Full PDB file with SEQRES, HELIX, SHEET, SSBOND, CRYST1, ORIGX, SCALE, CONECT and MASTER records, all heavy atoms in Angstrom:
SEQRES   1 A   36  THR GLN VAL VAL ASP PRO ASP LYS LYS VAL CYS ARG PHE          
SEQRES   2 A   36  GLU ALA PRO THR GLY SER ILE MET ARG LYS ARG VAL CYS          
SEQRES   3 A   36  HIS THR ALA ALA GLU TRP LYS LEU ILE ASP                      
HELIX    1 AA1 ALA A   29  ILE A   35  1                                   7    
SHEET    1 AA1 2 LYS A   9  GLU A  14  0                                        
SHEET    2 AA1 2 LYS A  23  THR A  28 -1                                        
SSBOND   1 CYS A   11    CYS A   26                          1555   1555  1.94  
CRYST1    1.000    1.000    1.000  90.00  90.00  90.00 P 1           1          
ORIGX1      1.000000  0.000000  0.000000        0.00000                         
ORIGX2      0.000000  1.000000  0.000000        0.00000                         
ORIGX3      0.000000  0.000000  1.000000        0.00000                         
SCALE1      1.000000  0.000000  0.000000        0.00000                         
SCALE2      0.000000  1.000000  0.000000        0.00000                         
SCALE3      0.000000  0.000000  1.000000        0.00000                         
ATOM      1  N   THR A   1     123.095 108.117 130.824  1.00  0.00           N  
ATOM      2  CA  THR A   1     122.344 107.805 132.040  1.00  0.00           C  
ATOM      3  C   THR A   1     120.847 108.019 131.878  1.00  0.00           C  
ATOM      4  O   THR A   1     120.089 107.713 132.778  1.00  0.00           O  
ATOM      5  CB  THR A   1     122.853 108.646 133.228  1.00  0.00           C  
ATOM      6  OG1 THR A   1     122.716 110.033 132.905  1.00  0.00           O  
ATOM      7  CG2 THR A   1     124.292 108.309 133.547  1.00  0.00           C  
ATOM      8  N   GLN A   2     120.416 108.545 130.736  1.00  0.00           N  
ATOM      9  CA  GLN A   2     118.991 108.749 130.518  1.00  0.00           C  
ATOM     10  C   GLN A   2     118.298 107.395 130.374  1.00  0.00           C  
ATOM     11  O   GLN A   2     118.757 106.524 129.654  1.00  0.00           O  
ATOM     12  CB  GLN A   2     118.744 109.568 129.262  1.00  0.00           C  
ATOM     13  CG  GLN A   2     119.224 110.986 129.364  1.00  0.00           C  
ATOM     14  CD  GLN A   2     119.006 111.741 128.059  1.00  0.00           C  
ATOM     15  OE1 GLN A   2     118.628 111.162 127.061  1.00  0.00           O  
ATOM     16  NE2 GLN A   2     119.228 113.037 128.086  1.00  0.00           N  
ATOM     17  N   VAL A   3     117.178 107.245 131.080  1.00  0.00           N  
ATOM     18  CA  VAL A   3     116.398 106.016 131.000  1.00  0.00           C  
ATOM     19  C   VAL A   3     115.301 106.229 129.969  1.00  0.00           C  
ATOM     20  O   VAL A   3     114.520 107.165 130.061  1.00  0.00           O  
ATOM     21  CB  VAL A   3     115.792 105.657 132.371  1.00  0.00           C  
ATOM     22  CG1 VAL A   3     114.935 104.419 132.263  1.00  0.00           C  
ATOM     23  CG2 VAL A   3     116.896 105.473 133.393  1.00  0.00           C  
ATOM     24  N   VAL A   4     115.270 105.361 128.963  1.00  0.00           N  
ATOM     25  CA  VAL A   4     114.285 105.476 127.890  1.00  0.00           C  
ATOM     26  C   VAL A   4     113.371 104.262 127.943  1.00  0.00           C  
ATOM     27  O   VAL A   4     113.824 103.126 128.053  1.00  0.00           O  
ATOM     28  CB  VAL A   4     114.992 105.556 126.516  1.00  0.00           C  
ATOM     29  CG1 VAL A   4     113.976 105.628 125.399  1.00  0.00           C  
ATOM     30  CG2 VAL A   4     115.929 106.742 126.472  1.00  0.00           C  
ATOM     31  N   ASP A   5     112.070 104.522 127.848  1.00  0.00           N  
ATOM     32  CA  ASP A   5     111.088 103.446 127.805  1.00  0.00           C  
ATOM     33  C   ASP A   5     111.309 102.642 126.520  1.00  0.00           C  
ATOM     34  O   ASP A   5     111.311 103.203 125.426  1.00  0.00           O  
ATOM     35  CB  ASP A   5     109.681 104.050 127.817  1.00  0.00           C  
ATOM     36  CG  ASP A   5     108.586 103.013 127.727  1.00  0.00           C  
ATOM     37  OD1 ASP A   5     108.870 101.824 128.009  1.00  0.00           O  
ATOM     38  OD2 ASP A   5     107.448 103.387 127.392  1.00  0.00           O  
ATOM     39  N   PRO A   6     111.524 101.315 126.624  1.00  0.00           N  
ATOM     40  CA  PRO A   6     111.814 100.523 125.430  1.00  0.00           C  
ATOM     41  C   PRO A   6     110.667 100.487 124.421  1.00  0.00           C  
ATOM     42  O   PRO A   6     110.884 100.205 123.254  1.00  0.00           O  
ATOM     43  CB  PRO A   6     112.101  99.121 125.971  1.00  0.00           C  
ATOM     44  CG  PRO A   6     111.684  99.114 127.374  1.00  0.00           C  
ATOM     45  CD  PRO A   6     111.561 100.524 127.839  1.00  0.00           C  
ATOM     46  N   ASP A   7     109.454 100.806 124.853  1.00  0.00           N  
ATOM     47  CA  ASP A   7     108.312 100.796 123.944  1.00  0.00           C  
ATOM     48  C   ASP A   7     108.018 102.172 123.351  1.00  0.00           C  
ATOM     49  O   ASP A   7     107.099 102.321 122.547  1.00  0.00           O  
ATOM     50  CB  ASP A   7     107.066 100.282 124.665  1.00  0.00           C  
ATOM     51  CG  ASP A   7     107.218  98.823 125.067  1.00  0.00           C  
ATOM     52  OD1 ASP A   7     107.846  98.063 124.316  1.00  0.00           O  
ATOM     53  OD2 ASP A   7     106.701  98.460 126.145  1.00  0.00           O  
ATOM     54  N   LYS A   8     108.821 103.176 123.728  1.00  0.00           N  
ATOM     55  CA  LYS A   8     108.614 104.526 123.217  1.00  0.00           C  
ATOM     56  C   LYS A   8     109.045 104.599 121.752  1.00  0.00           C  
ATOM     57  O   LYS A   8     110.088 104.089 121.365  1.00  0.00           O  
ATOM     58  CB  LYS A   8     109.418 105.536 124.033  1.00  0.00           C  
ATOM     59  CG  LYS A   8     109.239 106.952 123.569  1.00  0.00           C  
ATOM     60  CD  LYS A   8     110.053 107.916 124.400  1.00  0.00           C  
ATOM     61  CE  LYS A   8     109.872 109.323 123.852  1.00  0.00           C  
ATOM     62  NZ  LYS A   8     110.725 110.270 124.536  1.00  0.00           N  
ATOM     63  N   LYS A   9     108.230 105.235 120.932  1.00  0.00           N  
ATOM     64  CA  LYS A   9     108.528 105.386 119.510  1.00  0.00           C  
ATOM     65  C   LYS A   9     109.568 106.495 119.336  1.00  0.00           C  
ATOM     66  O   LYS A   9     109.406 107.603 119.843  1.00  0.00           O  
ATOM     67  CB  LYS A   9     107.260 105.733 118.741  1.00  0.00           C  
ATOM     68  CG  LYS A   9     107.431 105.815 117.259  1.00  0.00           C  
ATOM     69  CD  LYS A   9     106.092 106.083 116.596  1.00  0.00           C  
ATOM     70  CE  LYS A   9     106.222 106.170 115.099  1.00  0.00           C  
ATOM     71  NZ  LYS A   9     104.936 106.462 114.465  1.00  0.00           N  
ATOM     72  N   VAL A  10     110.651 106.171 118.617  1.00  0.00           N  
ATOM     73  CA  VAL A  10     111.725 107.121 118.371  1.00  0.00           C  
ATOM     74  C   VAL A  10     111.935 107.213 116.864  1.00  0.00           C  
ATOM     75  O   VAL A  10     112.059 106.195 116.189  1.00  0.00           O  
ATOM     76  CB  VAL A  10     113.039 106.662 119.054  1.00  0.00           C  
ATOM     77  CG1 VAL A  10     114.162 107.630 118.776  1.00  0.00           C  
ATOM     78  CG2 VAL A  10     112.828 106.483 120.551  1.00  0.00           C  
ATOM     79  N   CYS A  11     111.970 108.435 116.356  1.00  0.00           N  
ATOM     80  CA  CYS A  11     112.168 108.635 114.918  1.00  0.00           C  
ATOM     81  C   CYS A  11     113.521 109.282 114.668  1.00  0.00           C  
ATOM     82  O   CYS A  11     113.973 110.131 115.430  1.00  0.00           O  
ATOM     83  CB  CYS A  11     111.067 109.523 114.347  1.00  0.00           C  
ATOM     84  SG  CYS A  11     109.429 108.777 114.461  1.00  0.00           S  
ATOM     85  N   ARG A  12     114.163 108.863 113.585  1.00  0.00           N  
ATOM     86  CA  ARG A  12     115.446 109.415 113.151  1.00  0.00           C  
ATOM     87  C   ARG A  12     115.329 109.762 111.678  1.00  0.00           C  
ATOM     88  O   ARG A  12     114.514 109.194 110.952  1.00  0.00           O  
ATOM     89  CB  ARG A  12     116.579 108.393 113.308  1.00  0.00           C  
ATOM     90  CG  ARG A  12     116.858 107.966 114.717  1.00  0.00           C  
ATOM     91  CD  ARG A  12     117.999 106.978 114.699  1.00  0.00           C  
ATOM     92  NE  ARG A  12     118.269 106.430 116.027  1.00  0.00           N  
ATOM     93  CZ  ARG A  12     119.146 105.484 116.268  1.00  0.00           C  
ATOM     94  NH1 ARG A  12     119.843 104.953 115.284  1.00  0.00           N  
ATOM     95  NH2 ARG A  12     119.344 105.047 117.488  1.00  0.00           N  
ATOM     96  N   PHE A  13     116.179 110.671 111.247  1.00  0.00           N  
ATOM     97  CA  PHE A  13     116.266 110.985 109.830  1.00  0.00           C  
ATOM     98  C   PHE A  13     117.528 110.336 109.279  1.00  0.00           C  
ATOM     99  O   PHE A  13     118.610 110.499 109.834  1.00  0.00           O  
ATOM    100  CB  PHE A  13     116.308 112.497 109.602  1.00  0.00           C  
ATOM    101  CG  PHE A  13     114.976 113.145 109.822  1.00  0.00           C  
ATOM    102  CD1 PHE A  13     114.658 113.711 111.040  1.00  0.00           C  
ATOM    103  CD2 PHE A  13     114.032 113.166 108.816  1.00  0.00           C  
ATOM    104  CE1 PHE A  13     113.429 114.304 111.248  1.00  0.00           C  
ATOM    105  CE2 PHE A  13     112.793 113.750 109.012  1.00  0.00           C  
ATOM    106  CZ  PHE A  13     112.491 114.324 110.227  1.00  0.00           C  
ATOM    107  N   GLU A  14     117.371 109.568 108.211  1.00  0.00           N  
ATOM    108  CA  GLU A  14     118.491 108.882 107.589  1.00  0.00           C  
ATOM    109  C   GLU A  14     118.492 109.182 106.102  1.00  0.00           C  
ATOM    110  O   GLU A  14     117.441 109.335 105.493  1.00  0.00           O  
ATOM    111  CB  GLU A  14     118.383 107.371 107.806  1.00  0.00           C  
ATOM    112  CG  GLU A  14     118.440 106.963 109.260  1.00  0.00           C  
ATOM    113  CD  GLU A  14     118.367 105.460 109.454  1.00  0.00           C  
ATOM    114  OE1 GLU A  14     118.046 104.743 108.493  1.00  0.00           O  
ATOM    115  OE2 GLU A  14     118.635 105.016 110.580  1.00  0.00           O  
ATOM    116  N   ALA A  15     119.700 109.263 105.533  1.00  0.00           N  
ATOM    117  CA  ALA A  15     119.849 109.461 104.091  1.00  0.00           C  
ATOM    118  C   ALA A  15     120.270 108.135 103.480  1.00  0.00           C  
ATOM    119  O   ALA A  15     121.380 107.667 103.713  1.00  0.00           O  
ATOM    120  CB  ALA A  15     120.887 110.531 103.809  1.00  0.00           C  
ATOM    121  N   PRO A  16     119.373 107.482 102.724  1.00  0.00           N  
ATOM    122  CA  PRO A  16     119.734 106.208 102.095  1.00  0.00           C  
ATOM    123  C   PRO A  16     120.908 106.385 101.134  1.00  0.00           C  
ATOM    124  O   PRO A  16     121.093 107.459 100.558  1.00  0.00           O  
ATOM    125  CB  PRO A  16     118.470 105.814 101.319  1.00  0.00           C  
ATOM    126  CG  PRO A  16     117.371 106.621 101.913  1.00  0.00           C  
ATOM    127  CD  PRO A  16     117.997 107.865 102.441  1.00  0.00           C  
ATOM    128  N   THR A  17     121.696 105.348 100.960  1.00  0.00           N  
ATOM    129  CA  THR A  17     122.835 105.392 100.059  1.00  0.00           C  
ATOM    130  C   THR A  17     122.376 105.763  98.657  1.00  0.00           C  
ATOM    131  O   THR A  17     121.424 105.198  98.136  1.00  0.00           O  
ATOM    132  CB  THR A  17     123.547 104.023 100.032  1.00  0.00           C  
ATOM    133  OG1 THR A  17     123.933 103.685 101.360  1.00  0.00           O  
ATOM    134  CG2 THR A  17     124.770 104.057  99.140  1.00  0.00           C  
ATOM    135  N   GLY A  18     123.062 106.716  98.059  1.00  0.00           N  
ATOM    136  CA  GLY A  18     122.731 107.144  96.713  1.00  0.00           C  
ATOM    137  C   GLY A  18     121.676 108.230  96.649  1.00  0.00           C  
ATOM    138  O   GLY A  18     121.260 108.635  95.577  1.00  0.00           O  
ATOM    139  N   SER A  19     121.236 108.715  97.789  1.00  0.00           N  
ATOM    140  CA  SER A  19     120.199 109.739  97.815  1.00  0.00           C  
ATOM    141  C   SER A  19     120.643 110.891  98.708  1.00  0.00           C  
ATOM    142  O   SER A  19     121.324 110.695  99.710  1.00  0.00           O  
ATOM    143  CB  SER A  19     118.896 109.159  98.358  1.00  0.00           C  
ATOM    144  OG  SER A  19     117.939 110.185  98.512  1.00  0.00           O  
ATOM    145  N   ILE A  20     120.249 112.104  98.331  1.00  0.00           N  
ATOM    146  CA  ILE A  20     120.530 113.246  99.193  1.00  0.00           C  
ATOM    147  C   ILE A  20     119.308 113.616 100.024  1.00  0.00           C  
ATOM    148  O   ILE A  20     119.378 114.475 100.889  1.00  0.00           O  
ATOM    149  CB  ILE A  20     121.014 114.468  98.376  1.00  0.00           C  
ATOM    150  CG1 ILE A  20     119.962 114.889  97.355  1.00  0.00           C  
ATOM    151  CG2 ILE A  20     122.345 114.183  97.725  1.00  0.00           C  
ATOM    152  CD1 ILE A  20     120.252 116.212  96.671  1.00  0.00           C  
ATOM    153  N   MET A  21     118.197 112.953  99.744  1.00  0.00           N  
ATOM    154  CA  MET A  21     116.964 113.219 100.480  1.00  0.00           C  
ATOM    155  C   MET A  21     116.935 112.381 101.755  1.00  0.00           C  
ATOM    156  O   MET A  21     117.093 111.165 101.710  1.00  0.00           O  
ATOM    157  CB  MET A  21     115.742 112.878  99.624  1.00  0.00           C  
ATOM    158  CG  MET A  21     115.625 113.713  98.373  1.00  0.00           C  
ATOM    159  SD  MET A  21     115.345 115.454  98.715  1.00  0.00           S  
ATOM    160  CE  MET A  21     113.769 115.392  99.513  1.00  0.00           C  
ATOM    161  N   ARG A  22     116.765 113.061 102.880  1.00  0.00           N  
ATOM    162  CA  ARG A  22     116.662 112.324 104.140  1.00  0.00           C  
ATOM    163  C   ARG A  22     115.267 111.728 104.266  1.00  0.00           C  
ATOM    164  O   ARG A  22     114.287 112.297 103.805  1.00  0.00           O  
ATOM    165  CB  ARG A  22     116.951 113.255 105.313  1.00  0.00           C  
ATOM    166  CG  ARG A  22     118.362 113.739 105.299  1.00  0.00           C  
ATOM    167  CD  ARG A  22     118.754 114.565 106.486  1.00  0.00           C  
ATOM    168  NE  ARG A  22     117.669 115.251 107.155  1.00  0.00           N  
ATOM    169  CZ  ARG A  22     117.724 115.671 108.408  1.00  0.00           C  
ATOM    170  NH1 ARG A  22     118.802 115.492 109.110  1.00  0.00           N  
ATOM    171  NH2 ARG A  22     116.704 116.287 108.947  1.00  0.00           N  
ATOM    172  N   LYS A  23     115.205 110.573 104.923  1.00  0.00           N  
ATOM    173  CA  LYS A  23     113.944 109.861 105.104  1.00  0.00           C  
ATOM    174  C   LYS A  23     113.720 109.664 106.600  1.00  0.00           C  
ATOM    175  O   LYS A  23     114.648 109.306 107.334  1.00  0.00           O  
ATOM    176  CB  LYS A  23     114.032 108.504 104.398  1.00  0.00           C  
ATOM    177  CG  LYS A  23     112.796 107.675 104.489  1.00  0.00           C  
ATOM    178  CD  LYS A  23     112.986 106.371 103.743  1.00  0.00           C  
ATOM    179  CE  LYS A  23     111.787 105.473 103.919  1.00  0.00           C  
ATOM    180  NZ  LYS A  23     111.973 104.172 103.293  1.00  0.00           N  
ATOM    181  N   ARG A  24     112.511 109.878 107.057  1.00  0.00           N  
ATOM    182  CA  ARG A  24     112.182 109.684 108.463  1.00  0.00           C  
ATOM    183  C   ARG A  24     111.911 108.208 108.698  1.00  0.00           C  
ATOM    184  O   ARG A  24     111.068 107.600 108.042  1.00  0.00           O  
ATOM    185  CB  ARG A  24     110.963 110.504 108.832  1.00  0.00           C  
ATOM    186  CG  ARG A  24     110.631 110.450 110.292  1.00  0.00           C  
ATOM    187  CD  ARG A  24     109.477 111.371 110.601  1.00  0.00           C  
ATOM    188  NE  ARG A  24     109.143 111.252 112.003  1.00  0.00           N  
ATOM    189  CZ  ARG A  24     108.172 111.906 112.596  1.00  0.00           C  
ATOM    190  NH1 ARG A  24     107.440 112.745 111.897  1.00  0.00           N  
ATOM    191  NH2 ARG A  24     107.937 111.732 113.861  1.00  0.00           N  
ATOM    192  N   VAL A  25     112.649 107.624 109.664  1.00  0.00           N  
ATOM    193  CA  VAL A  25     112.505 106.213 109.998  1.00  0.00           C  
ATOM    194  C   VAL A  25     112.154 106.128 111.484  1.00  0.00           C  
ATOM    195  O   VAL A  25     112.851 106.675 112.326  1.00  0.00           O  
ATOM    196  CB  VAL A  25     113.815 105.442 109.720  1.00  0.00           C  
ATOM    197  CG1 VAL A  25     113.656 103.978 110.049  1.00  0.00           C  
ATOM    198  CG2 VAL A  25     114.242 105.626 108.270  1.00  0.00           C  
ATOM    199  N   CYS A  26     111.065 105.427 111.792  1.00  0.00           N  
ATOM    200  CA  CYS A  26     110.603 105.318 113.178  1.00  0.00           C  
ATOM    201  C   CYS A  26     110.576 103.859 113.638  1.00  0.00           C  
ATOM    202  O   CYS A  26     110.126 102.980 112.897  1.00  0.00           O  
ATOM    203  CB  CYS A  26     109.207 105.908 113.320  1.00  0.00           C  
ATOM    204  SG  CYS A  26     109.111 107.665 112.900  1.00  0.00           S  
ATOM    205  N   HIS A  27     111.085 103.630 114.838  1.00  0.00           N  
ATOM    206  CA  HIS A  27     111.052 102.325 115.501  1.00  0.00           C  
ATOM    207  C   HIS A  27     110.926 102.572 116.997  1.00  0.00           C  
ATOM    208  O   HIS A  27     111.077 103.697 117.468  1.00  0.00           O  
ATOM    209  CB  HIS A  27     112.349 101.534 115.249  1.00  0.00           C  
ATOM    210  CG  HIS A  27     112.557 101.105 113.839  1.00  0.00           C  
ATOM    211  ND1 HIS A  27     111.865 100.077 113.259  1.00  0.00           N  
ATOM    212  CD2 HIS A  27     113.399 101.568 112.876  1.00  0.00           C  
ATOM    213  CE1 HIS A  27     112.267  99.918 112.015  1.00  0.00           C  
ATOM    214  NE2 HIS A  27     113.194 100.818 111.750  1.00  0.00           N  
ATOM    215  N   THR A  28     110.687 101.515 117.750  1.00  0.00           N  
ATOM    216  CA  THR A  28     110.695 101.652 119.208  1.00  0.00           C  
ATOM    217  C   THR A  28     112.146 101.754 119.676  1.00  0.00           C  
ATOM    218  O   THR A  28     113.075 101.399 118.944  1.00  0.00           O  
ATOM    219  CB  THR A  28     110.024 100.454 119.899  1.00  0.00           C  
ATOM    220  OG1 THR A  28     110.799  99.286 119.645  1.00  0.00           O  
ATOM    221  CG2 THR A  28     108.595 100.267 119.442  1.00  0.00           C  
ATOM    222  N   ALA A  29     112.343 102.222 120.901  1.00  0.00           N  
ATOM    223  CA  ALA A  29     113.689 102.353 121.446  1.00  0.00           C  
ATOM    224  C   ALA A  29     114.392 100.997 121.497  1.00  0.00           C  
ATOM    225  O   ALA A  29     115.589 100.892 121.216  1.00  0.00           O  
ATOM    226  CB  ALA A  29     113.638 102.980 122.837  1.00  0.00           C  
ATOM    227  N   ALA A  30     113.652  99.942 121.815  1.00  0.00           N  
ATOM    228  CA  ALA A  30     114.233  98.598 121.865  1.00  0.00           C  
ATOM    229  C   ALA A  30     114.682  98.152 120.473  1.00  0.00           C  
ATOM    230  O   ALA A  30     115.753  97.545 120.316  1.00  0.00           O  
ATOM    231  CB  ALA A  30     113.230  97.607 122.440  1.00  0.00           C  
ATOM    232  N   GLU A  31     113.877  98.445 119.458  1.00  0.00           N  
ATOM    233  CA  GLU A  31     114.253  98.083 118.088  1.00  0.00           C  
ATOM    234  C   GLU A  31     115.490  98.851 117.639  1.00  0.00           C  
ATOM    235  O   GLU A  31     116.377  98.290 116.995  1.00  0.00           O  
ATOM    236  CB  GLU A  31     113.097  98.356 117.128  1.00  0.00           C  
ATOM    237  CG  GLU A  31     111.928  97.409 117.303  1.00  0.00           C  
ATOM    238  CD  GLU A  31     110.704  97.811 116.494  1.00  0.00           C  
ATOM    239  OE1 GLU A  31     110.531  99.014 116.188  1.00  0.00           O  
ATOM    240  OE2 GLU A  31     109.917  96.913 116.167  1.00  0.00           O  
ATOM    241  N   TRP A  32     115.573 100.156 117.982  1.00  0.00           N  
ATOM    242  CA  TRP A  32     116.758 100.940 117.628  1.00  0.00           C  
ATOM    243  C   TRP A  32     118.006 100.374 118.298  1.00  0.00           C  
ATOM    244  O   TRP A  32     119.077 100.351 117.698  1.00  0.00           O  
ATOM    245  CB  TRP A  32     116.584 102.410 118.000  1.00  0.00           C  
ATOM    246  CG  TRP A  32     115.812 103.202 117.007  1.00  0.00           C  
ATOM    247  CD1 TRP A  32     114.654 103.885 117.217  1.00  0.00           C  
ATOM    248  CD2 TRP A  32     116.136 103.408 115.623  1.00  0.00           C  
ATOM    249  NE1 TRP A  32     114.236 104.499 116.064  1.00  0.00           N  
ATOM    250  CE2 TRP A  32     115.135 104.226 115.066  1.00  0.00           C  
ATOM    251  CE3 TRP A  32     117.171 102.981 114.801  1.00  0.00           C  
ATOM    252  CZ2 TRP A  32     115.146 104.625 113.730  1.00  0.00           C  
ATOM    253  CZ3 TRP A  32     117.181 103.381 113.470  1.00  0.00           C  
ATOM    254  CH2 TRP A  32     116.173 104.188 112.950  1.00  0.00           C  
ATOM    255  N   LYS A  33     117.847  99.910 119.527  1.00  0.00           N  
ATOM    256  CA  LYS A  33     118.997  99.330 120.228  1.00  0.00           C  
ATOM    257  C   LYS A  33     119.500  98.093 119.482  1.00  0.00           C  
ATOM    258  O   LYS A  33     120.704  97.898 119.312  1.00  0.00           O  
ATOM    259  CB  LYS A  33     118.612  98.978 121.664  1.00  0.00           C  
ATOM    260  CG  LYS A  33     119.761  98.548 122.521  1.00  0.00           C  
ATOM    261  CD  LYS A  33     119.326  98.362 123.973  1.00  0.00           C  
ATOM    262  CE  LYS A  33     120.506  97.962 124.821  1.00  0.00           C  
ATOM    263  NZ  LYS A  33     120.154  97.826 126.223  1.00  0.00           N  
ATOM    264  N   LEU A  34     118.587  97.250 119.026  1.00  0.00           N  
ATOM    265  CA  LEU A  34     118.970  96.065 118.245  1.00  0.00           C  
ATOM    266  C   LEU A  34     119.607  96.453 116.909  1.00  0.00           C  
ATOM    267  O   LEU A  34     120.615  95.866 116.491  1.00  0.00           O  
ATOM    268  CB  LEU A  34     117.752  95.177 117.990  1.00  0.00           C  
ATOM    269  CG  LEU A  34     117.207  94.422 119.193  1.00  0.00           C  
ATOM    270  CD1 LEU A  34     115.888  93.743 118.829  1.00  0.00           C  
ATOM    271  CD2 LEU A  34     118.216  93.399 119.669  1.00  0.00           C  
ATOM    272  N   ILE A  35     119.043  97.434 116.235  1.00  0.00           N  
ATOM    273  CA  ILE A  35     119.574  97.889 114.954  1.00  0.00           C  
ATOM    274  C   ILE A  35     120.984  98.449 115.135  1.00  0.00           C  
ATOM    275  O   ILE A  35     121.900  98.135 114.366  1.00  0.00           O  
ATOM    276  CB  ILE A  35     118.633  98.937 114.318  1.00  0.00           C  
ATOM    277  CG1 ILE A  35     117.328  98.278 113.901  1.00  0.00           C  
ATOM    278  CG2 ILE A  35     119.303  99.642 113.139  1.00  0.00           C  
ATOM    279  CD1 ILE A  35     116.215  99.255 113.542  1.00  0.00           C  
ATOM    280  N   ASP A  36     121.170  99.280 116.167  1.00  0.00           N  
ATOM    281  CA  ASP A  36     122.486  99.864 116.420  1.00  0.00           C  
ATOM    282  C   ASP A  36     123.521  98.807 116.781  1.00  0.00           C  
ATOM    283  O   ASP A  36     124.656  98.850 116.315  1.00  0.00           O  
ATOM    284  CB  ASP A  36     122.402 100.911 117.534  1.00  0.00           C  
ATOM    285  CG  ASP A  36     121.632 102.150 117.099  1.00  0.00           C  
ATOM    286  OD1 ASP A  36     121.479 102.367 115.882  1.00  0.00           O  
ATOM    287  OD2 ASP A  36     121.191 102.902 117.996  1.00  0.00           O  
TER     288      ASP A  36                                                      
CONECT   84  204                                                                
CONECT  204   84                                                                
MASTER        0    0    0    1    2    0    0    6  287    1    2    3          
END                                                                             
């Protein structure tokens, strides 16, 4: 139920395949919705 501004920058930490090092990936909330 949380309302998020679609233009707000949101960062996540992801571990690319084959790596144990997490990488910070940032997109807008709208872009994350499309990616998900």
